[in-house]
C-alpha atoms as a PDB file:
ATOM      1  CA  MET A   1     -13.687  -6.935 -17.040  1.00  0.00           C
ATOM      2  CA  ALA A   2     -12.042  -5.145 -14.109  1.00  0.00           C
ATOM      3  CA  PRO A   3     -11.559  -7.204 -10.939  1.00  0.00           C
ATOM      4  CA  SER A   4     -14.209  -6.739  -8.260  1.00  0.00           C
ATOM      5  CA  CYS A   5     -13.397  -5.823  -4.685  1.00  0.00           C
ATOM      6  CA  LEU A   6     -15.412  -5.961  -1.501  1.00  0.00           C
ATOM      7  CA  LYS A   7     -18.459  -3.732  -1.795  1.00  0.00           C
ATOM      8  CA  LEU A   8     -18.454  -1.681   1.374  1.00  0.00           C
ATOM      9  CA  ALA A   9     -20.242   1.650   1.571  1.00  0.00           C
ATOM     10  CA  LEU A  10     -18.054   4.737   1.482  1.00  0.00           C
ATOM     11  CA  MET A  11     -14.747   2.914   1.005  1.00  0.00           C
ATOM     12  CA  ARG A  12     -12.313   4.617  -1.349  1.00  0.00           C
ATOM     13  CA  LEU A  13      -8.916   3.127  -2.158  1.00  0.00           C
ATOM     14  CA  LEU A  14      -6.247   3.962  -4.718  1.00  0.00           C
ATOM     15  CA  LEU A  15      -3.624   1.222  -4.959  1.00  0.00           C
ATOM     16  CA  THR A  16      -0.571   1.952  -7.094  1.00  0.00           C
ATOM     17  CA  SER A  17       2.877   0.679  -7.991  1.00  0.00           C
ATOM     18  CA  PHE A  18       4.479   4.098  -7.730  1.00  0.00           C
ATOM     19  CA  GLY A  19       2.661   7.362  -8.210  1.00  0.00           C
ATOM     20  CA  HIS A  20      -0.363   8.110 -10.365  1.00  0.00           C
ATOM     21  CA  ALA A  21      -1.866  11.196 -11.948  1.00  0.00           C
ATOM     22  CA  HIS A  22      -5.281  10.335 -10.460  1.00  0.00           C
ATOM     23  CA  ILE A  23      -4.050  11.100  -6.941  1.00  0.00           C
ATOM     24  CA  ARG A  24      -4.924  14.785  -7.438  1.00  0.00           C
ATOM     25  CA  ASP A  25      -8.517  13.808  -8.311  1.00  0.00           C
ATOM     26  CA  PHE A  26      -8.776  11.160  -5.622  1.00  0.00           C
ATOM     27  CA  VAL A  27      -8.191  13.427  -2.621  1.00  0.00           C
ATOM     28  CA  GLN A  28      -7.180  16.949  -1.655  1.00  0.00           C
ATOM     29  CA  GLY A  29      -6.017  18.394   1.650  1.00  0.00           C
ATOM     30  CA  THR A  30      -3.751  16.733   4.216  1.00  0.00           C
ATOM     31  CA  ILE A  31      -2.594  13.137   4.160  1.00  0.00           C
ATOM     32  CA  ALA A  32      -1.212  11.058   7.004  1.00  0.00           C
ATOM     33  CA  TYR A  33       2.020   9.804   5.425  1.00  0.00           C
ATOM     34  CA  ILE A  34       3.130   6.443   6.823  1.00  0.00           C
ATOM     35  CA  PRO A  35       6.754   5.791   5.745  1.00  0.00           C
ATOM     36  CA  ASP A  36       7.573   2.764   7.891  1.00  0.00           C
ATOM     37  CA  ALA A  37       7.909   0.213   5.091  1.00  0.00           C
ATOM     38  CA  THR A  38      11.161   1.982   4.197  1.00  0.00           C
ATOM     39  CA  ARG A  39      12.721   1.869   7.641  1.00  0.00           C
ATOM     40  CA  LEU A  40      15.079  -1.040   6.864  1.00  0.00           C
ATOM     41  CA  PHE A  41      16.764   0.768   3.983  1.00  0.00           C
ATOM     42  CA  ALA A  42      15.888   4.436   4.477  1.00  0.00           C
ATOM     43  CA  GLN A  43      19.589   5.306   4.911  1.00  0.00           C
ATOM     44  CA  ASN A  44      20.557   3.645   1.645  1.00  0.00           C
ATOM     45  CA  PRO A  45      21.861   6.391  -0.685  1.00  0.00           C
ATOM     46  CA  GLU A  46      20.197   4.649  -3.635  1.00  0.00           C
ATOM     47  CA  PHE A  47      16.801   4.901  -1.928  1.00  0.00           C
ATOM     48  CA  ILE A  48      16.864   8.585  -0.952  1.00  0.00           C
ATOM     49  CA  PRO A  49      16.042   9.929  -4.456  1.00  0.00           C
ATOM     50  CA  PHE A  50      12.953   7.694  -4.616  1.00  0.00           C
ATOM     51  CA  ALA A  51      11.668   9.032  -1.298  1.00  0.00           C
ATOM     52  CA  GLU A  52      12.262  12.620  -2.384  1.00  0.00           C
ATOM     53  CA  THR A  53      10.551  11.987  -5.714  1.00  0.00           C
ATOM     54  CA  GLU A  54       7.516  10.564  -3.964  1.00  0.00           C
ATOM     55  CA  ARG A  55       7.173  13.477  -1.555  1.00  0.00           C
ATOM     56  CA  ASN A  56       7.621  16.021  -4.336  1.00  0.00           C
ATOM     57  CA  MET A  57       5.010  14.211  -6.403  1.00  0.00           C
ATOM     58  CA  LEU A  58       2.485  14.403  -3.573  1.00  0.00           C
ATOM     59  CA  LYS A  59       3.154  18.103  -3.083  1.00  0.00           C
ATOM     60  CA  GLU A  60       2.733  18.684  -6.816  1.00  0.00           C
ATOM     61  CA  HIS A  61      -0.688  17.049  -6.501  1.00  0.00           C
ATOM     62  CA  GLY A  62      -1.563  19.795  -4.013  1.00  0.00           C
ATOM     63  CA  LEU A  63      -1.360  17.645  -0.899  1.00  0.00           C
ATOM     64  CA  SER A  64       0.001  18.616   2.498  1.00  0.00           C
ATOM     65  CA  ILE A  65       2.000  15.885   4.213  1.00  0.00           C
ATOM     66  CA  ARG A  66       1.594  15.006   7.878  1.00  0.00           C
ATOM     67  CA  ASP A  67       4.299  12.491   8.727  1.00  0.00           C
ATOM     68  CA  PHE A  68       3.038   9.689  10.913  1.00  0.00           C
ATOM     69  CA  PRO A  69       5.596   6.913  11.544  1.00  0.00           C
ATOM     70  CA  ILE A  70       3.767   4.069  13.243  1.00  0.00           C
ATOM     71  CA  SER A  71       6.655   2.033  14.684  1.00  0.00           C
ATOM     72  CA  ASN A  72       6.481   3.885  18.018  1.00  0.00           C
ATOM     73  CA  ALA A  73       2.880   5.080  17.826  1.00  0.00           C
ATOM     74  CA  THR A  74      -0.116   3.852  19.809  1.00  0.00           C
ATOM     75  CA  PRO A  75      -3.575   2.952  18.525  1.00  0.00           C
ATOM     76  CA  GLU A  76      -4.921   5.994  20.370  1.00  0.00           C
ATOM     77  CA  GLU A  77      -2.492   8.285  18.532  1.00  0.00           C
ATOM     78  CA  ALA A  78      -3.403   6.668  15.234  1.00  0.00           C
ATOM     79  CA  ASP A  79      -7.098   7.121  15.928  1.00  0.00           C
ATOM     80  CA  GLN A  80      -6.559  10.833  16.546  1.00  0.00           C
ATOM     81  CA  VAL A  81      -4.379  11.360  13.466  1.00  0.00           C
ATOM     82  CA  PHE A  82      -6.743   9.461  11.155  1.00  0.00           C
ATOM     83  CA  SER A  83      -9.609  11.559  12.500  1.00  0.00           C
ATOM     84  CA  GLU A  84      -7.812  14.799  11.624  1.00  0.00           C
ATOM     85  CA  VAL A  85      -6.593  14.148   8.063  1.00  0.00           C
ATOM     86  CA  ASP A  86      -8.258  13.891   4.673  1.00  0.00           C
ATOM     87  CA  ALA A  87      -6.607  10.617   3.657  1.00  0.00           C
ATOM     88  CA  VAL A  88      -3.954   8.105   4.640  1.00  0.00           C
ATOM     89  CA  TYR A  89      -0.970   7.340   2.407  1.00  0.00           C
ATOM     90  CA  ILE A  90       1.102   4.212   3.012  1.00  0.00           C
ATOM     91  CA  ALA A  91       4.415   4.327   1.193  1.00  0.00           C
ATOM     92  CA  GLY A  92       6.222   1.377  -0.339  1.00  0.00           C
ATOM     93  CA  GLY A  93       9.147  -0.631   0.951  1.00  0.00           C
ATOM     94  CA  GLU A  94       9.344  -3.977   2.723  1.00  0.00           C
ATOM     95  CA  THR A  95       5.862  -5.500   2.646  1.00  0.00           C
ATOM     96  CA  PHE A  96       6.391  -8.065   5.398  1.00  0.00           C
ATOM     97  CA  ASP A  97       7.941  -5.574   7.803  1.00  0.00           C
ATOM     98  CA  LEU A  98       5.107  -3.136   7.111  1.00  0.00           C
ATOM     99  CA  LEU A  99       2.414  -5.684   7.934  1.00  0.00           C
ATOM    100  CA  TRP A 100       4.306  -6.705  11.066  1.00  0.00           C
ATOM    101  CA  LEU A 101       4.438  -3.105  12.273  1.00  0.00           C
ATOM    102  CA  LEU A 102       0.751  -2.513  11.578  1.00  0.00           C
ATOM    103  CA  ARG A 103      -0.245  -5.671  13.417  1.00  0.00           C
ATOM    104  CA  SER A 104       2.214  -5.530  16.345  1.00  0.00           C
ATOM    105  CA  THR A 105       1.254  -1.937  17.171  1.00  0.00           C
ATOM    106  CA  GLY A 106      -2.467  -2.628  16.854  1.00  0.00           C
ATOM    107  CA  ILE A 107      -2.736   0.192  14.329  1.00  0.00           C
ATOM    108  CA  ASP A 108      -4.028  -2.224  11.693  1.00  0.00           C
ATOM    109  CA  GLU A 109      -7.426  -2.400  13.398  1.00  0.00           C
ATOM    110  CA  VAL A 110      -7.618   1.390  13.783  1.00  0.00           C
ATOM    111  CA  LEU A 111      -6.727   1.888  10.132  1.00  0.00           C
ATOM    112  CA  ILE A 112      -9.306  -0.651   8.959  1.00  0.00           C
ATOM    113  CA  LYS A 113     -11.996   1.056  11.040  1.00  0.00           C
ATOM    114  CA  HIS A 114     -11.302   4.483   9.575  1.00  0.00           C
ATOM    115  CA  VAL A 115     -11.022   3.315   5.956  1.00  0.00           C
ATOM    116  CA  ARG A 116     -14.254   1.359   6.205  1.00  0.00           C
ATOM    117  CA  ALA A 117     -15.864   4.506   7.619  1.00  0.00           C
ATOM    118  CA  GLY A 118     -14.770   6.530   4.598  1.00  0.00           C
ATOM    119  CA  LEU A 119     -11.154   7.686   5.087  1.00  0.00           C
ATOM    120  CA  PRO A 120      -9.544   7.549   1.623  1.00  0.00           C
ATOM    121  CA  TYR A 121      -6.617   5.109   1.455  1.00  0.00           C
ATOM    122  CA  ILE A 122      -3.698   5.495  -0.931  1.00  0.00           C
ATOM    123  CA  GLY A 123      -1.209   2.641  -0.937  1.00  0.00           C
ATOM    124  CA  THR A 124       1.841   2.430  -3.139  1.00  0.00           C
ATOM    125  CA  SER A 125       3.781  -0.801  -3.681  1.00  0.00           C
ATOM    126  CA  ALA A 126       3.905  -2.428  -0.205  1.00  0.00           C
ATOM    127  CA  GLY A 127       1.151  -0.079   0.910  1.00  0.00           C
ATOM    128  CA  ALA A 128      -1.015  -1.408  -1.904  1.00  0.00           C
ATOM    129  CA  VAL A 129      -0.209  -5.049  -1.174  1.00  0.00           C
ATOM    130  CA  VAL A 130      -1.152  -4.950   2.527  1.00  0.00           C
ATOM    131  CA  ALA A 131      -4.621  -3.621   1.653  1.00  0.00           C
ATOM    132  CA  GLY A 132      -5.580  -6.994   0.186  1.00  0.00           C
ATOM    133  CA  PRO A 133      -6.438 -10.376   1.696  1.00  0.00           C
ATOM    134  CA  SER A 134      -2.858 -11.704   1.922  1.00  0.00           C
ATOM    135  CA  ILE A 135       0.703 -10.604   1.306  1.00  0.00           C
ATOM    136  CA  GLU A 136       2.001 -14.142   0.740  1.00  0.00           C
ATOM    137  CA  PRO A 137       2.095 -13.859  -3.077  1.00  0.00           C
ATOM    138  CA  VAL A 138       4.745 -11.119  -2.971  1.00  0.00           C
ATOM    139  CA  SER A 139       7.160 -13.370  -1.089  1.00  0.00           C
ATOM    140  CA  LEU A 140       9.091 -13.770  -4.337  1.00  0.00           C
ATOM    141  CA  LEU A 141       9.549  -9.984  -4.566  1.00  0.00           C
ATOM    142  CA  ASP A 142      10.037  -9.114  -0.891  1.00  0.00           C
ATOM    143  CA  SER A 143      11.632 -11.393   1.688  1.00  0.00           C
ATOM    144  CA  PRO A 144       9.531 -12.715   4.588  1.00  0.00           C
ATOM    145  CA  ASP A 145      12.833 -13.094   6.464  1.00  0.00           C
ATOM    146  CA  VAL A 146      12.857  -9.369   7.338  1.00  0.00           C
ATOM    147  CA  ALA A 147       9.894  -9.995   9.690  1.00  0.00           C
ATOM    148  CA  PRO A 148      10.576 -13.368  11.334  1.00  0.00           C
ATOM    149  CA  GLU A 149       7.932 -12.701  14.010  1.00  0.00           C
ATOM    150  CA  LEU A 150       5.216 -12.492  11.353  1.00  0.00           C
ATOM    151  CA  SER A 151       3.646 -15.902  10.857  1.00  0.00           C
ATOM    152  CA  ASP A 152       0.208 -14.836   9.609  1.00  0.00           C
ATOM    153  CA  TYR A 153       0.306 -13.154   6.200  1.00  0.00           C
ATOM    154  CA  THR A 154      -3.338 -12.067   6.216  1.00  0.00           C
ATOM    155  CA  GLY A 155      -3.623  -8.511   4.925  1.00  0.00           C
ATOM    156  CA  LEU A 156      -5.977  -5.702   5.937  1.00  0.00           C
ATOM    157  CA  GLY A 157      -8.790  -7.157   3.855  1.00  0.00           C
ATOM    158  CA  LEU A 158      -9.877  -3.818   2.407  1.00  0.00           C
ATOM    159  CA  CYS A 159      -9.772  -5.281  -1.098  1.00  0.00           C
ATOM    160  CA  ASP A 160     -10.251  -8.875  -2.152  1.00  0.00           C
ATOM    161  CA  HIS A 161      -7.419  -8.838  -4.702  1.00  0.00           C
ATOM    162  CA  VAL A 162      -3.672  -9.092  -4.132  1.00  0.00           C
ATOM    163  CA  VAL A 163      -1.785  -6.310  -5.867  1.00  0.00           C
ATOM    164  CA  VAL A 164       1.535  -7.360  -7.389  1.00  0.00           C
ATOM    165  CA  PRO A 165       3.369  -4.097  -8.143  1.00  0.00           C
ATOM    166  CA  HIS A 166       6.184  -3.011 -10.469  1.00  0.00           C
ATOM    167  CA  VAL A 167       5.412  -5.415 -13.307  1.00  0.00           C
ATOM    168  CA  GLY A 168       7.654  -4.663 -16.276  1.00  0.00           C
ATOM    169  CA  SER A 169       9.604  -2.007 -14.386  1.00  0.00           C
ATOM    170  CA  ASN A 170      13.314  -1.313 -14.716  1.00  0.00           C
ATOM    171  CA  ILE A 171      13.974  -2.151 -11.052  1.00  0.00           C
ATOM    172  CA  PRO A 172      16.859  -4.673 -11.138  1.00  0.00           C
ATOM    173  CA  GLN A 173      15.584  -6.832  -8.287  1.00  0.00           C
ATOM    174  CA  PHE A 174      12.250  -7.345 -10.061  1.00  0.00           C
ATOM    175  CA  PRO A 175      13.069  -9.129 -13.353  1.00  0.00           C
ATOM    176  CA  ILE A 176      10.152 -10.248 -15.495  1.00  0.00           C
ATOM    177  CA  ASP A 177      10.791 -13.878 -14.565  1.00  0.00           C
ATOM    178  CA  VAL A 178       9.849 -13.241 -10.936  1.00  0.00           C
ATOM    179  CA  PHE A 179       6.374 -12.107 -11.982  1.00  0.00           C
ATOM    180  CA  ALA A 180       5.862 -15.138 -14.169  1.00  0.00           C
ATOM    181  CA  GLU A 181       6.900 -17.344 -11.253  1.00  0.00           C
ATOM    182  CA  THR A 182       4.547 -15.430  -8.921  1.00  0.00           C
ATOM    183  CA  VAL A 183       1.621 -16.159 -11.233  1.00  0.00           C
ATOM    184  CA  ARG A 184       2.594 -19.819 -11.566  1.00  0.00           C
ATOM    185  CA  THR A 185       2.994 -20.237  -7.809  1.00  0.00           C
ATOM    186  CA  TYR A 186       0.112 -18.153  -6.479  1.00  0.00           C
ATOM    187  CA  GLY A 187      -2.244 -17.420  -9.365  1.00  0.00           C
ATOM    188  CA  THR A 188      -4.502 -20.390  -8.666  1.00  0.00           C
ATOM    189  CA  ASP A 189      -4.986 -19.742  -4.957  1.00  0.00           C
ATOM    190  CA  PHE A 190      -5.056 -15.921  -4.921  1.00  0.00           C
ATOM    191  CA  PRO A 191      -6.818 -13.335  -7.110  1.00  0.00           C
ATOM    192  CA  LEU A 192      -3.794 -11.407  -8.350  1.00  0.00           C
ATOM    193  CA  VAL A 193      -3.801  -7.960  -9.978  1.00  0.00           C
ATOM    194  CA  LEU A 194      -0.485  -7.227 -11.696  1.00  0.00           C
ATOM    195  CA  LEU A 195       0.226  -3.487 -11.827  1.00  0.00           C
ATOM    196  CA  LYS A 196       2.762  -1.718 -13.978  1.00  0.00           C
ATOM    197  CA  ASP A 197       4.370   1.446 -12.626  1.00  0.00           C
ATOM    198  CA  GLY A 198       1.941   4.210 -13.527  1.00  0.00           C
ATOM    199  CA  GLN A 199      -1.109   1.973 -13.156  1.00  0.00           C
ATOM    200  CA  ALA A 200      -3.525   1.920 -10.245  1.00  0.00           C
ATOM    201  CA  LEU A 201      -6.468  -0.043  -8.915  1.00  0.00           C
ATOM    202  CA  LEU A 202      -9.240   2.404  -8.022  1.00  0.00           C
ATOM    203  CA  ILE A 203     -11.970   1.281  -5.645  1.00  0.00           C
ATOM    204  CA  ASP A 204     -14.895   3.594  -4.924  1.00  0.00           C
ATOM    205  CA  ASP A 205     -18.686   3.688  -4.966  1.00  0.00           C
ATOM    206  CA  HIS A 206     -18.624   3.325  -8.763  1.00  0.00           C
ATOM    207  CA  GLY A 207     -16.902  -0.056  -8.493  1.00  0.00           C
ATOM    208  CA  THR A 208     -13.361  -1.204  -9.157  1.00  0.00           C
ATOM    209  CA  HIS A 209     -11.290  -0.115 -12.125  1.00  0.00           C
ATOM    210  CA  LEU A 210      -7.758  -0.397 -13.449  1.00  0.00           C
ATOM    211  CA  ILE A 211      -6.634   3.092 -14.415  1.00  0.00           C
END
């Protein structure tokens, strides 16, 4: 049975590890692209191809990209942008830094309001994790030390499961042992959903499904 998520009218979320063919069916038009989870390593030459691949993938799905970095944005600016686009896309990167930016700018509350009112939400990797009730279970994959000011790991609460991305991937820093340890450490206290690259958790008015 697929895991259940909070039943809220109109909410539509697509939570992925990295990319998914269903994106083209999930939304069309213009997306607000939030890249901030990558800010700590965006200049790393090894990262640049991943960012380019992601953007090209979104364009191939027929989407137009409206860049919206939130680190220097205001809640008022976020409210306007989210009112003008067809969906919001939160890219992957450092989960703890991403949550800190959302919360410290106050944009978390604006984002929650719009998604609960029907704005489609696509989150990949860190963007998928922050949609859930807590980001604490990914502390074995991403380091909380990158956001020392963040003491509350409560997520956006748009889904009642914690996505653990990149299971079984070839990413060197995510060996299979770290996922086994994540389940042992956090599986009792948190409802985990382990996603392989290419998998997604789809939440819409038909329910919640792994696709």
